[in-house]
N, C-alpha and C. Protein backbone atom coordinates (compact mmCIF):
# COMPACT_ATOMS: atom_id res chain seq x y z
N MET A 1 -34.14 51.03 72.50
CA MET A 1 -34.44 51.40 71.10
C MET A 1 -34.12 50.55 70.01
N ARG A 2 -32.73 49.97 70.18
CA ARG A 2 -32.41 49.11 69.01
C ARG A 2 -33.27 47.79 69.01
N PHE A 3 -33.56 47.24 70.36
CA PHE A 3 -34.63 46.25 70.46
C PHE A 3 -36.00 46.58 69.61
N PHE A 4 -36.44 47.83 69.71
CA PHE A 4 -37.70 47.96 69.12
C PHE A 4 -37.30 48.06 67.44
N LEU A 5 -36.24 48.78 67.19
CA LEU A 5 -35.99 48.54 65.58
C LEU A 5 -36.16 47.19 65.07
N ILE A 6 -34.98 46.45 65.80
CA ILE A 6 -35.11 45.06 65.45
C ILE A 6 -36.50 44.57 65.28
N PHE A 7 -37.20 44.74 66.49
CA PHE A 7 -38.66 44.04 66.73
C PHE A 7 -39.56 44.48 65.34
N SER A 8 -39.39 45.90 64.95
CA SER A 8 -40.25 46.13 63.92
C SER A 8 -40.03 45.70 62.80
N SER A 9 -38.46 45.47 62.57
CA SER A 9 -38.27 44.91 61.26
C SER A 9 -38.41 43.22 60.89
N LEU A 10 -38.29 42.43 62.24
CA LEU A 10 -38.86 41.13 62.41
C LEU A 10 -40.26 41.09 62.14
N PHE A 11 -41.24 42.07 62.72
CA PHE A 11 -42.74 42.15 62.64
C PHE A 11 -42.96 42.29 61.14
N LEU A 12 -42.21 43.08 60.40
CA LEU A 12 -42.52 43.30 58.98
C LEU A 12 -42.26 41.99 58.42
N PHE A 13 -41.00 41.36 58.66
CA PHE A 13 -40.54 40.03 58.09
C PHE A 13 -41.47 39.16 58.05
N THR A 14 -42.10 38.91 59.35
CA THR A 14 -42.85 37.88 60.01
C THR A 14 -44.24 38.10 59.13
N PHE A 15 -44.68 39.38 59.39
CA PHE A 15 -46.01 39.54 58.78
C PHE A 15 -46.10 39.06 57.21
N LEU A 16 -45.11 39.61 56.19
CA LEU A 16 -45.10 39.38 55.07
C LEU A 16 -44.85 37.82 54.69
N LYS A 17 -44.38 37.23 55.70
CA LYS A 17 -44.34 35.68 55.59
C LYS A 17 -45.40 35.03 55.90
N SER A 18 -45.84 35.26 57.49
CA SER A 18 -47.15 34.66 58.07
C SER A 18 -48.67 34.81 57.41
N GLN A 19 -48.70 35.92 56.83
CA GLN A 19 -49.97 36.19 56.19
C GLN A 19 -50.22 35.83 54.94
N ASN A 20 -49.09 35.00 54.44
CA ASN A 20 -49.10 34.74 53.00
C ASN A 20 -49.74 35.60 51.86
N VAL A 21 -48.78 36.55 51.83
CA VAL A 21 -49.13 37.54 51.13
C VAL A 21 -49.21 37.25 49.56
N ASP A 22 -48.24 36.40 49.13
CA ASP A 22 -48.42 35.82 47.76
C ASP A 22 -49.80 35.24 47.55
N SER A 23 -50.25 34.43 48.43
CA SER A 23 -51.52 34.05 48.17
C SER A 23 -52.58 35.25 47.96
N LEU A 24 -52.62 36.04 48.79
CA LEU A 24 -53.63 37.44 48.51
C LEU A 24 -53.51 38.18 47.37
N ALA A 25 -51.86 38.05 46.82
CA ALA A 25 -51.71 38.56 45.51
C ALA A 25 -51.84 37.73 44.33
N ASN A 26 -52.46 36.56 44.58
CA ASN A 26 -52.54 35.46 43.63
C ASN A 26 -51.21 35.14 42.82
N ILE A 27 -49.98 35.13 43.55
CA ILE A 27 -48.80 34.78 42.97
C ILE A 27 -48.06 33.47 43.55
N PRO A 28 -47.39 32.62 42.78
CA PRO A 28 -46.71 31.54 43.22
C PRO A 28 -45.77 31.68 44.43
N PRO A 29 -45.51 31.10 45.63
CA PRO A 29 -44.83 31.27 46.75
C PRO A 29 -43.29 31.23 46.14
N GLU A 30 -43.12 30.45 45.06
CA GLU A 30 -41.79 30.29 44.58
C GLU A 30 -41.22 31.19 43.54
N LEU A 31 -40.13 31.92 43.65
CA LEU A 31 -39.68 32.60 42.73
C LEU A 31 -39.32 31.83 41.27
N LYS A 32 -39.56 32.63 40.14
CA LYS A 32 -39.14 31.91 38.93
C LYS A 32 -37.50 31.75 38.88
N GLU A 33 -37.11 31.36 37.86
CA GLU A 33 -35.44 31.02 37.69
C GLU A 33 -34.88 32.49 37.65
N THR A 34 -35.50 33.40 37.21
CA THR A 34 -34.83 34.87 37.18
C THR A 34 -36.04 35.88 37.52
N GLU A 35 -35.85 36.32 38.68
CA GLU A 35 -37.14 37.14 39.23
C GLU A 35 -36.59 37.94 40.47
N ILE A 36 -37.18 39.34 40.49
CA ILE A 36 -36.96 40.07 41.54
C ILE A 36 -38.47 40.37 42.12
N ARG A 37 -38.75 40.32 43.41
CA ARG A 37 -39.85 40.78 44.03
C ARG A 37 -39.55 41.82 45.33
N ILE A 38 -40.15 42.71 45.15
CA ILE A 38 -39.96 43.73 46.19
C ILE A 38 -41.59 44.13 46.74
N TYR A 39 -41.74 43.58 48.23
CA TYR A 39 -42.97 43.80 48.92
C TYR A 39 -43.09 45.05 49.64
N LYS A 40 -43.76 45.87 49.35
CA LYS A 40 -43.93 47.27 50.18
C LYS A 40 -44.98 46.96 51.00
N ASP A 41 -44.55 47.27 52.50
CA ASP A 41 -45.90 46.93 53.37
C ASP A 41 -46.95 47.85 53.21
N ARG A 42 -47.79 47.18 54.12
CA ARG A 42 -48.98 48.07 53.91
C ARG A 42 -49.44 49.09 54.81
N GLY A 43 -48.47 49.75 55.76
CA GLY A 43 -48.66 50.64 56.59
C GLY A 43 -49.99 50.36 57.25
N ILE A 44 -50.86 51.34 57.14
CA ILE A 44 -52.05 51.38 58.44
C ILE A 44 -53.30 51.11 57.11
N THR A 45 -52.91 50.70 56.15
CA THR A 45 -54.01 50.40 55.15
C THR A 45 -54.36 49.14 55.20
N ASN A 46 -55.23 48.58 54.47
CA ASN A 46 -55.91 47.16 54.20
C ASN A 46 -55.33 46.47 53.12
N SER A 47 -54.25 47.08 52.60
CA SER A 47 -53.54 46.53 51.02
C SER A 47 -52.07 46.94 51.13
N GLY A 48 -51.42 46.21 50.47
CA GLY A 48 -50.12 46.22 50.21
C GLY A 48 -49.80 46.22 48.71
N HIS A 49 -48.20 46.29 48.41
CA HIS A 49 -48.03 46.41 46.97
C HIS A 49 -46.73 45.35 46.68
N ILE A 50 -46.73 44.75 45.61
CA ILE A 50 -45.56 43.81 45.22
C ILE A 50 -45.11 44.22 43.74
N PHE A 51 -43.89 44.80 43.50
CA PHE A 51 -43.19 44.93 42.22
C PHE A 51 -42.50 43.80 42.01
N ARG A 52 -42.87 43.22 40.55
CA ARG A 52 -42.33 41.90 40.17
C ARG A 52 -41.68 42.09 38.84
N ILE A 53 -40.45 41.58 38.64
CA ILE A 53 -39.70 41.69 37.05
C ILE A 53 -39.24 40.31 37.08
N TYR A 54 -39.61 39.65 36.17
CA TYR A 54 -39.21 38.02 36.18
C TYR A 54 -39.21 37.61 34.39
N GLN A 55 -38.56 36.58 34.26
CA GLN A 55 -38.53 35.92 32.85
C GLN A 55 -39.47 34.63 33.14
N GLU A 56 -40.33 34.42 32.08
CA GLU A 56 -41.35 33.20 32.21
C GLU A 56 -41.23 32.70 30.61
N ASP A 57 -40.79 31.42 30.42
CA ASP A 57 -40.79 30.82 29.01
C ASP A 57 -40.11 31.87 28.10
N LYS A 58 -39.03 32.10 28.52
CA LYS A 58 -38.32 33.30 27.47
C LYS A 58 -39.01 34.62 27.52
N ILE A 59 -40.16 35.00 28.01
CA ILE A 59 -40.77 36.36 27.73
C ILE A 59 -40.63 37.20 29.23
N TRP A 60 -40.18 38.33 29.05
CA TRP A 60 -39.81 39.07 30.25
C TRP A 60 -41.38 39.89 30.57
N LYS A 61 -41.55 40.03 32.05
CA LYS A 61 -42.82 40.53 32.31
C LYS A 61 -42.44 41.49 33.62
N ALA A 62 -43.09 42.75 33.66
CA ALA A 62 -42.99 43.32 34.94
C ALA A 62 -44.48 43.76 35.33
N GLU A 63 -44.66 43.68 36.61
CA GLU A 63 -45.94 43.92 37.07
C GLU A 63 -45.86 44.81 38.55
N LEU A 64 -47.02 45.34 38.87
CA LEU A 64 -47.25 45.85 40.22
C LEU A 64 -48.42 45.43 40.35
N ILE A 65 -48.48 44.56 41.67
CA ILE A 65 -49.74 44.36 42.32
C ILE A 65 -50.05 44.69 43.55
N GLN A 66 -51.23 44.93 43.50
CA GLN A 66 -51.77 45.53 44.98
C GLN A 66 -52.75 44.58 45.37
N TRP A 67 -52.47 44.28 46.59
CA TRP A 67 -52.90 42.96 47.28
C TRP A 67 -54.00 43.49 48.38
N PHE A 68 -55.03 42.77 48.76
CA PHE A 68 -56.02 43.30 49.77
C PHE A 68 -56.39 42.31 50.74
N PHE A 69 -56.47 42.90 52.17
CA PHE A 69 -56.96 41.73 53.10
C PHE A 69 -58.46 41.34 52.73
N PRO A 70 -58.70 40.29 53.10
CA PRO A 70 -60.27 39.94 52.80
C PRO A 70 -61.23 40.98 53.53
N ARG A 71 -62.47 41.19 53.00
CA ARG A 71 -63.18 42.13 53.79
C ARG A 71 -64.26 41.03 54.77
N GLU A 72 -64.33 41.97 55.97
CA GLU A 72 -65.25 41.09 56.68
C GLU A 72 -66.93 41.47 56.40
N ILE A 73 -67.49 40.16 56.26
CA ILE A 73 -68.73 40.37 56.02
C ILE A 73 -69.54 40.17 57.22
N SER A 74 -69.39 39.28 58.01
CA SER A 74 -69.75 39.17 59.59
C SER A 74 -68.75 38.90 60.48
N LYS A 75 -68.95 38.66 61.52
CA LYS A 75 -67.93 38.28 62.87
C LYS A 75 -67.05 36.96 62.20
N ASP A 76 -67.64 36.08 61.60
CA ASP A 76 -66.71 34.76 61.40
C ASP A 76 -66.96 34.65 59.96
N GLU A 77 -67.05 35.58 59.00
CA GLU A 77 -67.21 35.34 57.59
C GLU A 77 -66.28 36.54 57.06
N PHE A 78 -65.41 36.11 55.88
CA PHE A 78 -64.86 37.05 55.00
C PHE A 78 -64.87 36.88 53.53
N GLU A 79 -64.66 37.92 52.86
CA GLU A 79 -65.03 37.54 51.36
C GLU A 79 -63.56 38.22 50.86
N PRO A 80 -62.86 37.35 50.22
CA PRO A 80 -61.56 37.54 49.55
C PRO A 80 -61.70 38.70 48.45
N ILE A 81 -60.90 39.81 48.25
CA ILE A 81 -60.75 40.69 47.19
C ILE A 81 -59.84 40.38 46.43
N ASN A 82 -60.09 40.54 45.16
CA ASN A 82 -59.19 40.27 43.91
C ASN A 82 -58.11 41.26 44.22
N PRO A 83 -57.01 40.90 43.72
CA PRO A 83 -55.84 41.85 43.84
C PRO A 83 -55.55 42.58 42.25
N LYS A 84 -54.97 43.76 42.25
CA LYS A 84 -55.28 44.62 41.21
C LYS A 84 -53.79 44.63 40.79
N LEU A 85 -53.67 44.03 39.47
CA LEU A 85 -52.78 43.76 38.66
C LEU A 85 -52.40 44.92 37.52
N THR A 86 -51.28 45.49 37.61
CA THR A 86 -50.88 46.39 36.40
C THR A 86 -49.63 45.96 35.96
N ASN A 87 -49.69 45.56 34.40
CA ASN A 87 -48.63 45.43 33.71
C ASN A 87 -47.80 46.41 33.61
N LEU A 88 -46.51 46.60 33.73
CA LEU A 88 -45.64 47.65 33.51
C LEU A 88 -44.75 47.76 32.26
N LYS A 89 -44.65 48.82 31.74
CA LYS A 89 -43.66 48.95 30.66
C LYS A 89 -42.58 50.12 30.82
N SER A 90 -41.44 49.68 30.05
CA SER A 90 -40.29 50.40 30.17
C SER A 90 -39.86 50.67 28.99
N GLU A 91 -39.17 51.82 28.84
CA GLU A 91 -38.58 52.48 27.67
C GLU A 91 -37.27 51.35 27.05
N LYS A 92 -36.64 50.85 28.24
CA LYS A 92 -35.69 49.91 28.08
C LYS A 92 -36.47 48.50 27.74
N SER A 93 -35.78 47.53 27.30
CA SER A 93 -36.01 46.04 27.35
C SER A 93 -36.38 45.79 28.93
N LEU A 94 -37.34 44.78 29.27
CA LEU A 94 -37.26 44.46 30.70
C LEU A 94 -36.22 43.65 31.01
N GLU A 95 -35.56 42.93 30.22
CA GLU A 95 -34.25 42.37 30.59
C GLU A 95 -33.24 43.53 30.82
N GLN A 96 -33.05 44.51 30.09
CA GLN A 96 -32.04 45.36 30.70
C GLN A 96 -32.59 46.07 31.95
N SER A 97 -33.76 46.26 32.29
CA SER A 97 -34.45 46.65 33.38
C SER A 97 -33.86 45.95 34.52
N PHE A 98 -34.05 44.62 34.42
CA PHE A 98 -33.60 43.58 35.51
C PHE A 98 -32.00 43.53 35.69
N LEU A 99 -31.34 43.69 34.67
CA LEU A 99 -30.01 43.86 34.99
C LEU A 99 -29.50 45.07 35.45
N ASN A 100 -30.29 46.14 35.28
CA ASN A 100 -29.82 47.36 35.96
C ASN A 100 -30.01 47.41 37.33
N ILE A 101 -31.09 46.63 37.94
CA ILE A 101 -31.46 46.52 39.01
C ILE A 101 -30.60 45.40 39.65
N LYS A 102 -30.11 44.50 39.13
CA LYS A 102 -29.21 43.73 39.57
C LYS A 102 -27.61 44.28 39.83
N ALA A 103 -27.11 45.12 38.89
CA ALA A 103 -26.35 45.84 38.92
C ALA A 103 -25.95 46.71 40.19
N ARG A 104 -27.29 47.23 40.84
CA ARG A 104 -27.37 47.93 42.04
C ARG A 104 -27.10 46.95 43.16
N ASN A 105 -26.61 45.81 43.16
CA ASN A 105 -26.14 45.16 44.20
C ASN A 105 -27.30 44.34 44.82
N ILE A 106 -28.56 44.14 44.31
CA ILE A 106 -29.61 43.60 44.90
C ILE A 106 -29.41 42.11 45.39
N GLY A 107 -28.55 41.45 44.72
CA GLY A 107 -28.16 40.20 45.19
C GLY A 107 -27.12 39.89 46.42
N PHE A 108 -26.82 41.07 46.84
CA PHE A 108 -25.77 40.89 47.90
C PHE A 108 -26.08 41.77 49.17
N LEU A 109 -27.24 42.58 49.07
CA LEU A 109 -27.45 43.28 50.39
C LEU A 109 -28.01 42.43 51.42
N PRO A 110 -27.40 42.89 52.70
CA PRO A 110 -27.80 42.16 53.84
C PRO A 110 -29.23 42.53 54.30
N ASN A 111 -29.71 41.86 55.43
CA ASN A 111 -30.72 42.31 56.20
C ASN A 111 -30.08 43.33 57.17
N GLU A 112 -31.12 44.28 57.48
CA GLU A 112 -30.88 45.53 58.10
C GLU A 112 -30.29 45.40 59.24
N GLU A 113 -30.47 44.37 60.10
CA GLU A 113 -29.75 44.15 61.26
C GLU A 113 -28.33 43.99 61.26
N CYS A 114 -27.91 43.28 59.96
CA CYS A 114 -26.36 43.11 59.76
C CYS A 114 -25.69 44.69 59.86
N PHE A 115 -26.41 45.66 59.51
CA PHE A 115 -25.59 46.88 59.36
C PHE A 115 -25.96 47.83 60.68
N GLN A 116 -26.85 47.44 61.67
CA GLN A 116 -27.32 48.40 62.48
C GLN A 116 -26.35 49.08 63.45
N TYR A 117 -25.28 48.22 63.39
CA TYR A 117 -23.94 49.00 64.22
C TYR A 117 -23.60 50.19 63.67
N LYS A 118 -23.75 50.39 62.29
CA LYS A 118 -23.39 51.46 61.36
C LYS A 118 -24.20 52.76 61.86
N LYS A 119 -25.37 52.83 62.41
CA LYS A 119 -26.19 53.63 62.88
C LYS A 119 -25.61 54.03 64.47
N ASP A 120 -25.13 53.21 65.19
CA ASP A 120 -24.92 53.60 66.55
C ASP A 120 -23.50 54.54 66.38
N GLN A 121 -23.22 55.15 67.38
CA GLN A 121 -21.78 56.12 67.29
C GLN A 121 -21.51 55.60 68.70
N SER A 122 -20.11 55.32 68.70
CA SER A 122 -19.35 54.95 70.20
C SER A 122 -18.19 55.75 70.33
N GLN A 123 -17.88 56.34 71.47
CA GLN A 123 -16.56 57.03 71.76
C GLN A 123 -16.23 56.31 73.21
N VAL A 124 -15.09 56.84 73.33
CA VAL A 124 -14.38 56.31 74.65
C VAL A 124 -14.36 57.36 75.52
N VAL A 125 -14.71 57.31 76.73
CA VAL A 125 -14.91 58.31 77.74
C VAL A 125 -14.49 57.60 79.18
N TYR A 126 -14.07 58.80 79.94
CA TYR A 126 -13.31 58.22 81.04
C TYR A 126 -14.62 58.36 82.35
N ASP A 127 -14.97 57.08 82.77
CA ASP A 127 -15.81 57.04 83.81
C ASP A 127 -15.36 57.53 85.25
N GLU A 128 -15.53 58.51 86.02
CA GLU A 128 -15.33 58.80 87.10
C GLU A 128 -15.49 57.86 88.36
N GLU A 129 -16.78 57.22 88.13
CA GLU A 129 -17.22 56.04 89.24
C GLU A 129 -16.41 54.73 88.93
N GLU A 130 -16.17 54.29 87.67
CA GLU A 130 -15.35 53.09 87.53
C GLU A 130 -13.87 53.43 87.61
N LYS A 131 -13.58 54.62 87.53
CA LYS A 131 -12.16 54.86 87.44
C LYS A 131 -11.43 54.19 86.48
N ASP A 132 -12.06 54.35 85.15
CA ASP A 132 -11.62 53.46 84.05
C ASP A 132 -12.01 54.06 82.75
N TRP A 133 -11.60 53.85 81.52
CA TRP A 133 -11.86 54.05 80.26
C TRP A 133 -13.03 53.13 79.91
N VAL A 134 -14.30 53.79 79.34
CA VAL A 134 -15.42 52.85 79.00
C VAL A 134 -16.09 53.47 77.67
N PHE A 135 -16.80 52.43 76.90
CA PHE A 135 -17.44 52.88 75.65
C PHE A 135 -18.62 53.58 76.15
N GLU A 136 -18.96 54.62 75.52
CA GLU A 136 -20.27 55.21 75.57
C GLU A 136 -20.86 55.11 74.30
N ILE A 137 -22.04 54.63 74.17
CA ILE A 137 -22.59 54.26 72.86
C ILE A 137 -23.84 55.19 72.69
N LYS A 138 -24.01 55.88 71.74
CA LYS A 138 -25.12 56.78 71.44
C LYS A 138 -25.85 55.97 70.35
N ASN A 139 -27.24 55.53 71.03
CA ASN A 139 -27.90 54.83 70.12
C ASN A 139 -28.53 55.28 69.04
N ALA A 140 -28.89 54.61 67.93
CA ALA A 140 -29.38 55.13 66.57
C ALA A 140 -30.71 55.89 66.80
N ILE A 141 -30.77 56.84 65.89
CA ILE A 141 -32.21 57.52 65.66
C ILE A 141 -33.35 56.28 65.11
N MET A 142 -34.48 56.58 65.84
CA MET A 142 -35.43 55.61 65.76
C MET A 142 -36.51 56.34 64.85
N VAL A 143 -36.71 55.95 63.51
CA VAL A 143 -37.66 56.46 62.68
C VAL A 143 -38.86 55.33 62.59
N LEU A 144 -40.16 55.67 63.16
CA LEU A 144 -41.18 55.06 63.41
C LEU A 144 -42.31 55.29 62.33
N ASP A 145 -42.02 56.16 61.68
CA ASP A 145 -43.13 56.30 60.39
C ASP A 145 -42.26 56.03 58.95
N GLY A 146 -42.87 55.74 58.00
CA GLY A 146 -42.49 55.36 56.86
C GLY A 146 -42.88 54.08 56.16
N THR A 147 -42.08 53.43 55.25
CA THR A 147 -42.29 52.18 54.52
C THR A 147 -41.24 51.16 54.88
N GLY A 148 -41.63 49.90 55.04
CA GLY A 148 -40.84 48.74 55.06
C GLY A 148 -41.12 48.05 53.74
N TYR A 149 -39.89 47.35 53.38
CA TYR A 149 -39.95 46.24 52.25
C TYR A 149 -39.17 45.05 52.48
N LEU A 150 -39.65 44.19 52.03
CA LEU A 150 -39.06 42.91 51.97
C LEU A 150 -38.69 42.54 50.57
N VAL A 151 -37.49 42.15 50.10
CA VAL A 151 -36.81 41.75 48.84
C VAL A 151 -36.53 40.36 48.57
N LYS A 152 -36.96 39.72 47.53
CA LYS A 152 -36.57 38.43 47.22
C LYS A 152 -36.05 38.50 45.94
N TYR A 153 -34.90 38.02 45.60
CA TYR A 153 -34.08 38.08 44.34
C TYR A 153 -33.59 36.45 43.97
N LYS A 154 -33.64 36.31 42.74
CA LYS A 154 -33.06 35.07 42.17
C LYS A 154 -32.78 35.28 40.69
N SER A 155 -31.60 34.73 40.37
CA SER A 155 -30.83 34.81 39.32
C SER A 155 -29.91 33.76 39.02
N GLY A 156 -30.52 32.52 38.46
CA GLY A 156 -29.99 31.37 38.29
C GLY A 156 -29.79 30.54 39.67
N GLN A 157 -28.37 30.35 39.73
CA GLN A 157 -28.21 29.79 41.22
C GLN A 157 -28.18 30.70 42.53
N GLN A 158 -27.92 32.09 42.02
CA GLN A 158 -27.94 33.23 43.27
C GLN A 158 -29.13 33.53 43.73
N GLN A 159 -29.31 33.54 45.00
CA GLN A 159 -30.59 34.09 45.51
C GLN A 159 -30.27 34.75 46.81
N ASN A 160 -31.05 35.90 47.22
CA ASN A 160 -31.11 36.59 48.06
C ASN A 160 -32.35 37.12 48.63
N GLU A 161 -32.43 37.17 50.13
CA GLU A 161 -33.76 37.77 50.60
C GLU A 161 -33.38 38.72 51.71
N PHE A 162 -33.89 40.10 52.09
CA PHE A 162 -33.53 40.83 53.00
C PHE A 162 -34.77 41.92 53.20
N ASN A 163 -34.61 42.35 54.22
CA ASN A 163 -35.83 43.53 54.39
C ASN A 163 -35.03 44.55 55.15
N TYR A 164 -35.66 45.72 54.70
CA TYR A 164 -35.51 47.13 55.37
C TYR A 164 -36.59 47.80 55.81
N SER A 165 -36.56 48.57 57.00
CA SER A 165 -37.76 49.46 57.57
C SER A 165 -37.33 50.81 57.38
N ASN A 166 -38.08 51.50 56.81
CA ASN A 166 -37.78 53.22 56.24
C ASN A 166 -36.67 53.26 55.75
N PRO A 167 -36.05 52.68 54.67
CA PRO A 167 -34.65 52.99 54.24
C PRO A 167 -34.51 54.45 53.93
N GLU A 168 -35.60 55.11 53.09
CA GLU A 168 -35.41 56.38 52.86
C GLU A 168 -35.23 57.50 53.96
N SER A 169 -36.05 57.20 54.85
CA SER A 169 -36.26 57.91 56.00
C SER A 169 -34.58 57.86 56.68
N TYR A 170 -34.13 56.60 56.98
CA TYR A 170 -32.89 56.50 57.72
C TYR A 170 -31.65 56.82 56.80
N LEU A 171 -32.04 56.91 55.59
CA LEU A 171 -30.77 57.44 54.77
C LEU A 171 -30.60 59.08 55.06
N LYS A 172 -31.75 59.56 55.22
CA LYS A 172 -31.48 61.20 55.41
C LYS A 172 -30.71 61.32 56.69
N HIS A 173 -30.76 60.61 57.74
CA HIS A 173 -30.08 60.42 58.81
C HIS A 173 -28.66 59.82 58.98
N TYR A 174 -28.73 58.99 57.84
CA TYR A 174 -27.12 58.25 57.81
C TYR A 174 -26.75 58.27 56.32
N PRO A 175 -26.22 59.10 55.71
CA PRO A 175 -26.12 59.33 54.21
C PRO A 175 -24.88 58.36 53.78
N ASP A 176 -23.99 57.96 54.84
CA ASP A 176 -22.84 57.23 54.36
C ASP A 176 -23.17 55.58 54.65
N ILE A 177 -24.21 55.08 55.05
CA ILE A 177 -24.47 53.90 54.97
C ILE A 177 -25.00 53.30 53.60
N ASP A 178 -23.79 52.39 53.10
CA ASP A 178 -23.83 52.01 51.74
C ASP A 178 -25.10 51.21 51.28
N GLU A 179 -25.52 50.48 52.37
CA GLU A 179 -26.57 49.42 52.10
C GLU A 179 -27.97 50.27 51.94
N LEU A 180 -28.15 51.35 52.58
CA LEU A 180 -29.02 52.28 52.36
C LEU A 180 -29.14 52.89 51.02
N ASN A 181 -27.85 53.24 50.68
CA ASN A 181 -27.91 53.96 49.40
C ASN A 181 -28.32 53.12 48.23
N TYR A 182 -27.62 51.91 48.01
CA TYR A 182 -28.10 50.94 47.20
C TYR A 182 -29.49 50.69 47.25
N PHE A 183 -30.14 50.44 48.26
CA PHE A 183 -31.62 50.15 48.08
C PHE A 183 -32.26 51.20 47.77
N VAL A 184 -32.28 52.43 48.23
CA VAL A 184 -32.88 53.64 48.05
C VAL A 184 -32.75 54.05 46.48
N ASP A 185 -31.40 53.73 46.05
CA ASP A 185 -31.17 53.78 44.32
C ASP A 185 -32.11 52.78 43.49
N ILE A 186 -32.19 51.63 44.15
CA ILE A 186 -32.96 50.47 43.43
C ILE A 186 -34.52 51.15 43.35
N LEU A 187 -35.13 51.63 44.46
CA LEU A 187 -36.32 52.18 44.52
C LEU A 187 -36.37 53.27 43.54
N LYS A 188 -35.55 54.06 43.40
CA LYS A 188 -35.75 55.33 42.51
C LYS A 188 -35.64 55.02 41.14
N TYR A 189 -34.88 54.02 40.97
CA TYR A 189 -34.65 53.50 39.69
C TYR A 189 -36.00 52.89 38.96
N ILE A 190 -36.59 51.97 39.70
CA ILE A 190 -37.97 51.43 39.43
C ILE A 190 -39.07 52.42 39.19
N ARG A 191 -39.11 53.59 40.34
CA ARG A 191 -40.11 54.43 40.19
C ARG A 191 -39.79 55.29 38.65
N LYS A 192 -38.66 55.55 38.53
CA LYS A 192 -38.54 56.17 37.28
C LYS A 192 -38.47 55.38 36.03
N GLU A 193 -37.99 54.30 36.07
CA GLU A 193 -38.03 53.59 34.92
C GLU A 193 -39.38 52.93 34.57
N PHE A 194 -40.14 52.71 35.57
CA PHE A 194 -41.56 52.28 35.21
C PHE A 194 -42.80 53.20 35.50
N ASN A 195 -42.17 54.51 35.93
CA ASN A 195 -43.15 55.66 36.15
C ASN A 195 -44.47 55.04 36.92
N ILE A 196 -44.01 54.63 38.12
CA ILE A 196 -44.78 54.21 39.20
C ILE A 196 -44.66 54.75 40.44
N GLU A 197 -45.81 54.92 41.36
CA GLU A 197 -45.21 55.44 42.86
C GLU A 197 -45.21 54.14 43.39
N PHE A 198 -44.17 53.98 43.99
CA PHE A 198 -43.75 52.76 44.94
C PHE A 198 -42.90 52.95 45.88
């Protein structure tokens, strides 16, 4: 089961990288000097979303981009679909919003596989066959539905990149995992601050 979770996370990460989602969203692959990008996976649809907040030429911007896979016209012909761009507003300054996200440890959160061990439960039991004490590991709960995210962060020299599969669903089962709490708090903040479904 752990293999499947890691495989799913790697699949999401590879998908977002290999399919060149940035090009489908008409955004540059390189982050600005100060930028946060959160890629929300597409699930079973033909599109996905990217939340961006960044500074460009001393001007702060926040966007929600919905990108689409090209439409199949014939067996070997595809037509690109323009992404849908929504400029986001906040009651606070966008710089303050960026700093509020930064304050939620986005620059330090690790990849999900780095804290997978926190989902497993182990105990010491006596094995009658082995006639010795052994570790018995209860594997983590598997959540197969939900949403995955890939995050890219840059603020000056500090950079971070990580991916989480179904963080909100896992948090219900593992409320004490700090990394899930921090990331779900980031998602809640973005939804509330910019009044978006994301």
